[in-house]
Structures are given as C-alpha cells and as structure tokens.
Amino acid sequence: MSVASSGGPEYDELSWKFLNSEFARGTYANWPIERRLDAYLRHHELSELLNDGTAYRRLLDSVMDNIGPAHRLGILGLGGTP
C-alpha cells in the first residue's frame, strides 16, 4: 500500500523519516521546505506523492505539524549543521 493511496499514520511516519533525514538540515538548511521535501521524495523514489497534490499537501502538513516536536526532541538543530 502506498502512502498516496491511504491516509493517516503513514503520512506521520513518512514526515518523521523526512525530519530525521539529511534533507531536513545541513546542506539543505537554506532551501525552502517544499524543495527539501521534493528532493527527499525523489531520492527515495516516492514520485507518486509528488504527482498527487492532495497526498503531497497532507504530507507537507504533517511535516509542518512535526517540526516543533522534532526540534524539542533535538532532531532538528539550530543553524545549518546536522
């Protein structure tokens, strides 16, 4: 089952994978969040999410919802270093 064809927890799980990836910090820190998410999805061959506007929006919303908790847990640091 693909994330694009389902709802709920799959988006949350994928958003945490993104937030734990190099695309959420470091080299990509100065890129807009959408560009980083696009690069992450392409890198992991999840292009069906790029082509499904509703699924992409749900994933982006989940990423945005989890940025604060990820920062509080120390997953996301300040600045451009991993």
C-alpha atoms as a PDB file:
ATOM      1  CA  MET A   1       0.000   0.000   0.000  1.00  0.00           C
ATOM      2  CA  SER A   2       1.430   3.377  -0.948  1.00  0.00           C
ATOM      3  CA  VAL A   3       1.208   6.475   1.186  1.00  0.00           C
ATOM      4  CA  ALA A   4      -0.614   8.288  -1.610  1.00  0.00           C
ATOM      5  CA  SER A   5      -3.474   5.776  -1.571  1.00  0.00           C
ATOM      6  CA  SER A   6      -4.004   5.785   2.187  1.00  0.00           C
ATOM      7  CA  GLY A   7      -4.500   8.291   4.947  1.00  0.00           C
ATOM      8  CA  GLY A   8      -3.447   8.875   8.485  1.00  0.00           C
ATOM      9  CA  PRO A   9      -0.432   7.400  10.229  1.00  0.00           C
ATOM     10  CA  GLU A  10       1.528   6.754   7.036  1.00  0.00           C
ATOM     11  CA  TYR A  11       1.913  10.496   6.489  1.00  0.00           C
ATOM     12  CA  ASP A  12       3.063  10.987  10.064  1.00  0.00           C
ATOM     13  CA  GLU A  13       5.600   8.166   9.761  1.00  0.00           C
ATOM     14  CA  LEU A  14       6.958   9.498   6.483  1.00  0.00           C
ATOM     15  CA  SER A  15       7.153  13.040   7.851  1.00  0.00           C
ATOM     16  CA  TRP A  16       9.304  11.798  10.760  1.00  0.00           C
ATOM     17  CA  LYS A  17      11.551   9.932   8.322  1.00  0.00           C
ATOM     18  CA  PHE A  18      11.971  13.173   6.390  1.00  0.00           C
ATOM     19  CA  LEU A  19      12.676  15.171   9.559  1.00  0.00           C
ATOM     20  CA  ASN A  20      15.324  12.617  10.552  1.00  0.00           C
ATOM     21  CA  SER A  21      16.982  12.806   7.137  1.00  0.00           C
ATOM     22  CA  GLU A  22      19.803  14.944   5.799  1.00  0.00           C
ATOM     23  CA  PHE A  23      17.177  16.837   3.772  1.00  0.00           C
ATOM     24  CA  ALA A  24      15.822  18.460   6.947  1.00  0.00           C
ATOM     25  CA  ARG A  25      19.145  20.049   7.930  1.00  0.00           C
ATOM     26  CA  GLY A  26      22.772  20.546   6.987  1.00  0.00           C
ATOM     27  CA  THR A  27      23.428  21.103   3.310  1.00  0.00           C
ATOM     28  CA  TYR A  28      19.744  21.696   2.602  1.00  0.00           C
ATOM     29  CA  ALA A  29      19.026  24.062   5.514  1.00  0.00           C
ATOM     30  CA  ASN A  30      18.728  27.139   3.276  1.00  0.00           C
ATOM     31  CA  TRP A  31      16.313  25.502   0.827  1.00  0.00           C
ATOM     32  CA  PRO A  32      12.557  26.137   1.173  1.00  0.00           C
ATOM     33  CA  ILE A  33      10.792  23.270   2.957  1.00  0.00           C
ATOM     34  CA  GLU A  34       8.908  22.262  -0.213  1.00  0.00           C
ATOM     35  CA  ARG A  35      12.137  21.957  -2.209  1.00  0.00           C
ATOM     36  CA  ARG A  36      13.708  19.814   0.526  1.00  0.00           C
ATOM     37  CA  LEU A  37      10.638  17.579   0.704  1.00  0.00           C
ATOM     38  CA  ASP A  38      10.619  17.238  -3.098  1.00  0.00           C
ATOM     39  CA  ALA A  39      14.306  16.231  -3.068  1.00  0.00           C
ATOM     40  CA  TYR A  40      13.664  13.704  -0.283  1.00  0.00           C
ATOM     41  CA  LEU A  41      10.745  12.136  -2.160  1.00  0.00           C
ATOM     42  CA  ARG A  42      12.722  11.919  -5.407  1.00  0.00           C
ATOM     43  CA  HIS A  43      15.734  10.444  -3.596  1.00  0.00           C
ATOM     44  CA  HIS A  44      13.534   7.737  -2.052  1.00  0.00           C
ATOM     45  CA  GLU A  45      11.651   7.127  -5.318  1.00  0.00           C
ATOM     46  CA  LEU A  46       8.304   8.281  -3.941  1.00  0.00           C
ATOM     47  CA  SER A  47       7.316  10.276  -7.001  1.00  0.00           C
ATOM     48  CA  GLU A  48       3.655   9.231  -6.673  1.00  0.00           C
ATOM     49  CA  LEU A  49       3.451  11.730  -3.805  1.00  0.00           C
ATOM     50  CA  LEU A  50       4.897  14.482  -5.991  1.00  0.00           C
ATOM     51  CA  ASN A  51       2.238  13.794  -8.612  1.00  0.00           C
ATOM     52  CA  ASP A  52      -0.717  13.669  -6.194  1.00  0.00           C
ATOM     53  CA  GLY A  53      -1.427  17.169  -4.933  1.00  0.00           C
ATOM     54  CA  THR A  54      -3.722  16.031  -2.121  1.00  0.00           C
ATOM     55  CA  ALA A  55      -1.257  13.451  -0.819  1.00  0.00           C
ATOM     56  CA  TYR A  56       1.633  15.912  -1.092  1.00  0.00           C
ATOM     57  CA  ARG A  57      -0.315  18.557   0.863  1.00  0.00           C
ATOM     58  CA  ARG A  58      -1.161  16.032   3.600  1.00  0.00           C
ATOM     59  CA  LEU A  59       2.486  15.041   3.873  1.00  0.00           C
ATOM     60  CA  LEU A  60       3.657  18.660   3.940  1.00  0.00           C
ATOM     61  CA  ASP A  61       1.052  19.447   6.622  1.00  0.00           C
ATOM     62  CA  SER A  62       2.323  16.500   8.665  1.00  0.00           C
ATOM     63  CA  VAL A  63       5.918  17.696   8.292  1.00  0.00           C
ATOM     64  CA  MET A  64       4.905  21.177   9.440  1.00  0.00           C
ATOM     65  CA  ASP A  65       2.965  19.736  12.391  1.00  0.00           C
ATOM     66  CA  ASN A  66       6.020  17.739  13.482  1.00  0.00           C
ATOM     67  CA  ILE A  67       8.743  20.397  13.114  1.00  0.00           C
ATOM     68  CA  GLY A  68       8.175  21.729  16.646  1.00  0.00           C
ATOM     69  CA  PRO A  69       8.230  18.308  18.321  1.00  0.00           C
ATOM     70  CA  ALA A  70      11.294  17.302  16.260  1.00  0.00           C
ATOM     71  CA  HIS A  71      13.097  20.439  17.368  1.00  0.00           C
ATOM     72  CA  ARG A  72      12.166  19.867  21.028  1.00  0.00           C
ATOM     73  CA  LEU A  73      13.449  16.282  20.799  1.00  0.00           C
ATOM     74  CA  GLY A  74      16.764  17.528  19.430  1.00  0.00           C
ATOM     75  CA  ILE A  75      16.274  16.000  15.992  1.00  0.00           C
ATOM     76  CA  LEU A  76      16.462  19.410  14.341  1.00  0.00           C
ATOM     77  CA  GLY A  77      19.261  21.649  15.494  1.00  0.00           C
ATOM     78  CA  LEU A  78      19.679  25.368  15.085  1.00  0.00           C
ATOM     79  CA  GLY A  79      21.635  26.645  12.120  1.00  0.00           C
ATOM     80  CA  GLY A  80      22.947  24.757   9.145  1.00  0.00           C
ATOM     81  CA  THR A  81      24.773  21.876  10.811  1.00  0.00           C
ATOM     82  CA  PRO A  82      23.482  18.331  11.216  1.00  0.00           C
END
